[in-house]
Amino acid sequence: MRKFMLKPKENHQGHHFIKKVTSLIFALILFTFPGLLAGEDMKDRWAARQIYLENCAACHGFDRTGFIGTSLVPAELKTRSQAAVRSLIRHGIDGTLMPAQSCRLSLKKLRRLSYYLKETPAEIVKRIKIGSDGNYEIVKNKMWQRDPKRIKNGRSLFDEYCMGCHHPTIEAFAPAYSEISAKRDIRAIMGQIRFPYTSSLILGYTDQIMPVFDLTNNEIKNLGAYVYSFRK
């Protein structure tokens, strides 16, 4: 007589949850690295970002959403071809603060930069919230400049690099941080730290003695957050 064995019930709910989480991870990979399926060379992408940071961020913002210059995210450039973007960068725009970059950037760098501006989303960090049922949503960005840990780390950088000229609330050899934070947003503060000479020319300062500091992007964010913390 043939024996029959009962199969254990499958945990469909658990499988459904795992499937949703796997789909989420795959979606996040594609969202973060949109060029993977297209065969884009990621080294070129990050090299292009470095070109942008060194030549464009002081006016157009670290996140490309604009500061003194206009926003350079793909949505703002959709009416221009890559060739048109390269031409604007190469020759500048008469009657504006946009300089010609033909003497600073090679054709290869111009191509990398124009592709980066046209095809790469701005580097905006989003938080993902996953529910117990496996559904997820993208929640609003945190205001990193208000992060207490960043502000604390920025205070240490202030003690090391800035306290010889600046004071948090009293004007010394340079303006007080309370005055700076009242007049500028976080992007302007970071631009002044990273590109003091360029920013001073753009802002019309005649006496500029602030040196260039060898700081990482994260350290500039921390120091900028500390300065910005005096904004009321």
Protein backbone atom coordinates (compact mmCIF):
# COMPACT_ATOMS: atom_id res chain seq x y z
CA MET A 1 0.00 0.00 0.00
CA ARG A 2 1.45 3.34 -1.08
CA LYS A 3 2.10 5.78 1.72
CA PHE A 4 1.23 9.41 1.28
CA MET A 5 3.11 12.15 3.07
CA LEU A 6 1.56 15.54 3.71
CA LYS A 7 3.63 18.44 2.44
CA PRO A 8 4.13 21.28 4.91
CA LYS A 9 2.22 24.44 4.09
CA GLU A 10 4.30 26.97 2.24
CA ASN A 11 4.80 30.34 3.86
CA HIS A 12 3.42 32.44 1.01
CA GLN A 13 3.49 35.62 3.10
CA GLY A 14 7.19 35.18 3.85
CA HIS A 15 8.01 34.49 0.20
CA HIS A 16 6.02 37.55 -0.82
CA PHE A 17 7.98 39.72 1.62
CA ILE A 18 11.35 38.38 0.41
CA LYS A 19 10.32 38.98 -3.20
CA LYS A 20 9.38 42.59 -2.43
CA VAL A 21 12.64 43.27 -0.58
CA THR A 22 14.65 41.72 -3.45
CA SER A 23 12.80 43.92 -5.94
CA LEU A 24 13.52 46.95 -3.76
CA ILE A 25 17.25 46.20 -3.64
CA PHE A 26 17.36 45.78 -7.42
CA ALA A 27 15.43 49.04 -7.91
CA LEU A 28 17.80 50.89 -5.58
CA ILE A 29 20.83 49.60 -7.50
CA LEU A 30 19.37 50.86 -10.77
CA PHE A 31 18.34 54.17 -9.16
CA THR A 32 21.82 54.73 -7.73
CA PHE A 33 23.74 53.47 -10.78
CA PRO A 34 21.50 54.14 -13.79
CA GLY A 35 24.31 53.39 -16.23
CA LEU A 36 24.78 49.75 -15.24
CA LEU A 37 22.34 48.35 -17.79
CA ALA A 38 23.52 50.77 -20.45
CA GLY A 39 27.14 49.73 -19.95
CA GLU A 40 28.21 53.14 -18.66
CA ASP A 41 31.73 53.26 -17.28
CA MET A 42 31.30 54.26 -13.63
CA LYS A 43 34.90 55.49 -13.44
CA ASP A 44 34.04 58.04 -16.13
CA ARG A 45 30.98 59.12 -14.19
CA TRP A 46 32.89 59.81 -10.99
CA ALA A 47 35.73 61.43 -12.91
CA ALA A 48 33.14 63.75 -14.47
CA ARG A 49 31.74 64.57 -11.04
CA GLN A 50 35.23 65.55 -9.90
CA ILE A 51 35.54 67.84 -12.94
CA TYR A 52 32.22 69.41 -11.95
CA LEU A 53 33.28 69.91 -8.32
CA GLU A 54 36.56 71.54 -9.32
CA ASN A 55 35.17 73.86 -11.99
CA CYS A 56 31.42 74.39 -11.54
CA ALA A 57 30.25 73.78 -7.96
CA ALA A 58 31.23 77.22 -6.62
CA CYS A 59 28.53 78.84 -8.78
CA HIS A 60 26.07 76.03 -9.51
CA GLY A 61 26.06 74.30 -6.11
CA PHE A 62 27.44 71.01 -4.84
CA ASP A 63 24.17 69.25 -5.65
CA ARG A 64 23.79 71.02 -9.06
CA THR A 65 20.53 72.70 -8.00
CA GLY A 66 21.96 76.20 -8.48
CA PHE A 67 23.45 78.94 -6.34
CA ILE A 68 24.85 82.02 -8.09
CA GLY A 69 24.53 80.15 -11.38
CA THR A 70 21.49 78.28 -12.67
CA SER A 71 20.48 74.72 -11.84
CA LEU A 72 22.28 72.06 -13.90
CA VAL A 73 20.12 69.01 -13.24
CA PRO A 74 18.92 67.02 -16.31
CA ALA A 75 15.37 68.43 -16.11
CA GLU A 76 16.72 71.97 -16.59
CA LEU A 77 18.89 70.92 -19.56
CA LYS A 78 16.34 68.79 -21.42
CA THR A 79 15.94 71.34 -24.23
CA ARG A 80 19.69 71.38 -24.94
CA SER A 81 21.72 68.64 -26.60
CA GLN A 82 25.03 67.42 -25.19
CA ALA A 83 26.79 69.33 -27.97
CA ALA A 84 24.98 72.53 -26.97
CA VAL A 85 25.93 72.03 -23.32
CA ARG A 86 29.58 71.47 -24.33
CA SER A 87 29.52 74.65 -26.40
CA LEU A 88 28.20 76.73 -23.49
CA ILE A 89 30.88 75.35 -21.17
CA ARG A 90 33.62 75.77 -23.73
CA HIS A 91 32.84 79.33 -24.86
CA GLY A 92 31.02 80.77 -21.83
CA ILE A 93 28.11 83.20 -22.01
CA ASP A 94 28.77 86.86 -22.85
CA GLY A 95 27.43 89.40 -20.41
CA THR A 96 27.24 86.90 -17.53
CA LEU A 97 29.58 85.48 -14.90
CA MET A 98 29.84 82.24 -16.89
CA PRO A 99 33.47 82.09 -18.11
CA ALA A 100 34.87 80.21 -21.09
CA GLN A 101 36.46 76.92 -20.03
CA SER A 102 38.20 76.11 -23.32
CA CYS A 103 41.64 76.84 -21.86
CA ARG A 104 40.99 74.75 -18.74
CA LEU A 105 39.14 71.68 -19.98
CA SER A 106 40.20 69.30 -22.73
CA LEU A 107 37.66 68.01 -25.26
CA LYS A 108 37.60 64.67 -23.41
CA LYS A 109 36.76 66.41 -20.13
CA LEU A 110 34.12 68.54 -21.84
CA ARG A 111 32.46 65.40 -23.22
CA ARG A 112 32.53 63.71 -19.82
CA LEU A 113 31.11 66.79 -18.13
CA SER A 114 28.32 67.38 -20.67
CA TYR A 115 27.25 63.73 -20.47
CA TYR A 116 27.31 63.87 -16.67
CA LEU A 117 25.13 67.00 -16.57
CA LYS A 118 22.65 65.74 -19.15
CA GLU A 119 22.28 62.10 -18.17
CA THR A 120 23.13 61.72 -14.48
CA PRO A 121 20.55 62.59 -11.80
CA ALA A 122 21.72 64.93 -9.06
CA GLU A 123 23.29 63.08 -6.14
CA ILE A 124 20.43 63.39 -3.66
CA VAL A 125 20.45 60.94 -0.75
CA LYS A 126 16.99 59.61 0.03
CA ARG A 127 15.83 57.55 2.99
CA ILE A 128 13.88 54.36 2.30
CA LYS A 129 11.20 53.22 4.70
CA ILE A 130 10.12 49.55 4.49
CA GLY A 131 6.88 48.46 6.11
CA SER A 132 6.25 45.10 7.78
CA ASP A 133 4.26 44.00 4.72
CA GLY A 134 7.21 44.57 2.40
CA ASN A 135 5.89 47.79 0.87
CA TYR A 136 8.27 50.73 0.82
CA GLU A 137 8.28 54.45 0.27
CA ILE A 138 10.85 57.19 -0.22
CA VAL A 139 10.56 59.73 2.56
CA LYS A 140 11.72 63.32 2.57
CA ASN A 141 15.41 64.12 2.71
CA LYS A 142 16.85 64.81 6.13
CA MET A 143 18.35 68.25 6.66
CA TRP A 144 21.90 67.02 7.06
CA GLN A 145 23.12 70.53 7.94
CA ARG A 146 21.15 70.28 11.20
CA ASP A 147 22.69 66.93 12.16
CA PRO A 148 24.19 67.35 15.68
CA LYS A 149 27.02 64.93 14.88
CA ARG A 150 28.04 66.94 11.81
CA ILE A 151 27.92 70.17 13.80
CA LYS A 152 30.09 68.65 16.53
CA ASN A 153 32.65 67.44 13.98
CA GLY A 154 32.53 70.86 12.32
CA ARG A 155 33.37 72.51 15.65
CA SER A 156 36.57 70.44 15.81
CA LEU A 157 37.49 71.60 12.29
CA PHE A 158 36.77 75.20 13.30
CA ASP A 159 39.19 74.89 16.22
CA GLU A 160 41.87 73.52 13.90
CA TYR A 161 41.50 75.76 10.85
CA CYS A 162 39.33 78.81 11.46
CA MET A 163 39.47 80.20 14.99
CA GLY A 164 42.56 82.30 14.23
CA CYS A 165 40.41 84.66 12.12
CA HIS A 166 36.75 83.85 12.85
CA HIS A 167 34.67 83.93 16.01
CA PRO A 168 31.21 82.38 16.26
CA THR A 169 29.41 85.56 17.34
CA ILE A 170 31.92 88.45 17.36
CA GLU A 171 33.68 90.01 14.35
CA ALA A 172 37.44 89.48 14.63
CA PHE A 173 39.82 89.49 11.64
CA ALA A 174 36.94 88.05 9.61
CA PRO A 175 33.12 88.15 9.89
CA ALA A 176 31.41 86.28 12.72
CA TYR A 177 29.68 83.01 11.85
CA SER A 178 26.38 84.44 13.09
CA GLU A 179 26.68 87.17 10.44
CA ILE A 180 27.76 84.77 7.68
CA SER A 181 24.96 82.29 8.38
CA ALA A 182 22.37 85.07 8.41
CA LYS A 183 23.33 86.18 4.88
CA ARG A 184 24.10 82.88 3.11
CA ASP A 185 22.56 79.47 2.69
CA ILE A 186 24.48 76.25 3.30
CA ARG A 187 25.60 75.92 -0.34
CA ALA A 188 27.10 79.41 -0.38
CA ILE A 189 28.95 78.69 2.86
CA MET A 190 30.38 75.44 1.49
CA GLY A 191 31.35 77.14 -1.78
CA GLN A 192 33.25 79.83 0.12
CA ILE A 193 35.16 77.19 2.11
CA ARG A 194 36.09 75.09 -0.90
CA PHE A 195 36.70 77.87 -3.45
CA PRO A 196 37.52 81.01 -1.41
CA TYR A 197 39.17 82.97 -4.23
CA THR A 198 36.56 82.22 -6.90
CA SER A 199 33.67 82.85 -4.51
CA SER A 200 35.18 86.15 -3.36
CA LEU A 201 35.49 87.40 -6.94
CA ILE A 202 31.89 86.44 -7.68
CA LEU A 203 30.61 88.04 -4.47
CA GLY A 204 32.61 91.22 -5.10
CA TYR A 205 35.04 91.03 -2.17
CA THR A 206 38.15 93.15 -2.67
CA ASP A 207 40.11 92.02 0.40
CA GLN A 208 40.39 88.25 0.32
CA ILE A 209 42.90 86.55 2.58
CA MET A 210 41.06 83.30 3.31
CA PRO A 211 43.33 80.40 2.29
CA VAL A 212 42.40 77.17 0.55
CA PHE A 213 42.19 74.29 3.02
CA ASP A 214 42.89 70.67 2.13
CA LEU A 215 39.52 69.32 3.29
CA THR A 216 37.47 66.40 2.02
CA ASN A 217 33.91 66.94 0.78
CA ASN A 218 32.58 65.43 4.01
CA GLU A 219 34.75 67.73 6.14
CA ILE A 220 33.50 70.75 4.17
CA LYS A 221 29.95 69.60 4.89
CA ASN A 222 30.73 69.28 8.60
CA LEU A 223 32.37 72.70 8.78
CA GLY A 224 29.56 74.24 6.75
CA ALA A 225 27.01 72.68 9.12
CA TYR A 226 28.81 74.22 12.11
CA VAL A 227 28.82 77.69 10.52
CA TYR A 228 25.18 77.29 9.49
CA SER A 229 24.20 76.28 13.04
CA PHE A 230 24.49 79.95 14.08
CA ARG A 231 21.63 80.89 11.76
CA LYS A 232 18.63 82.13 13.75
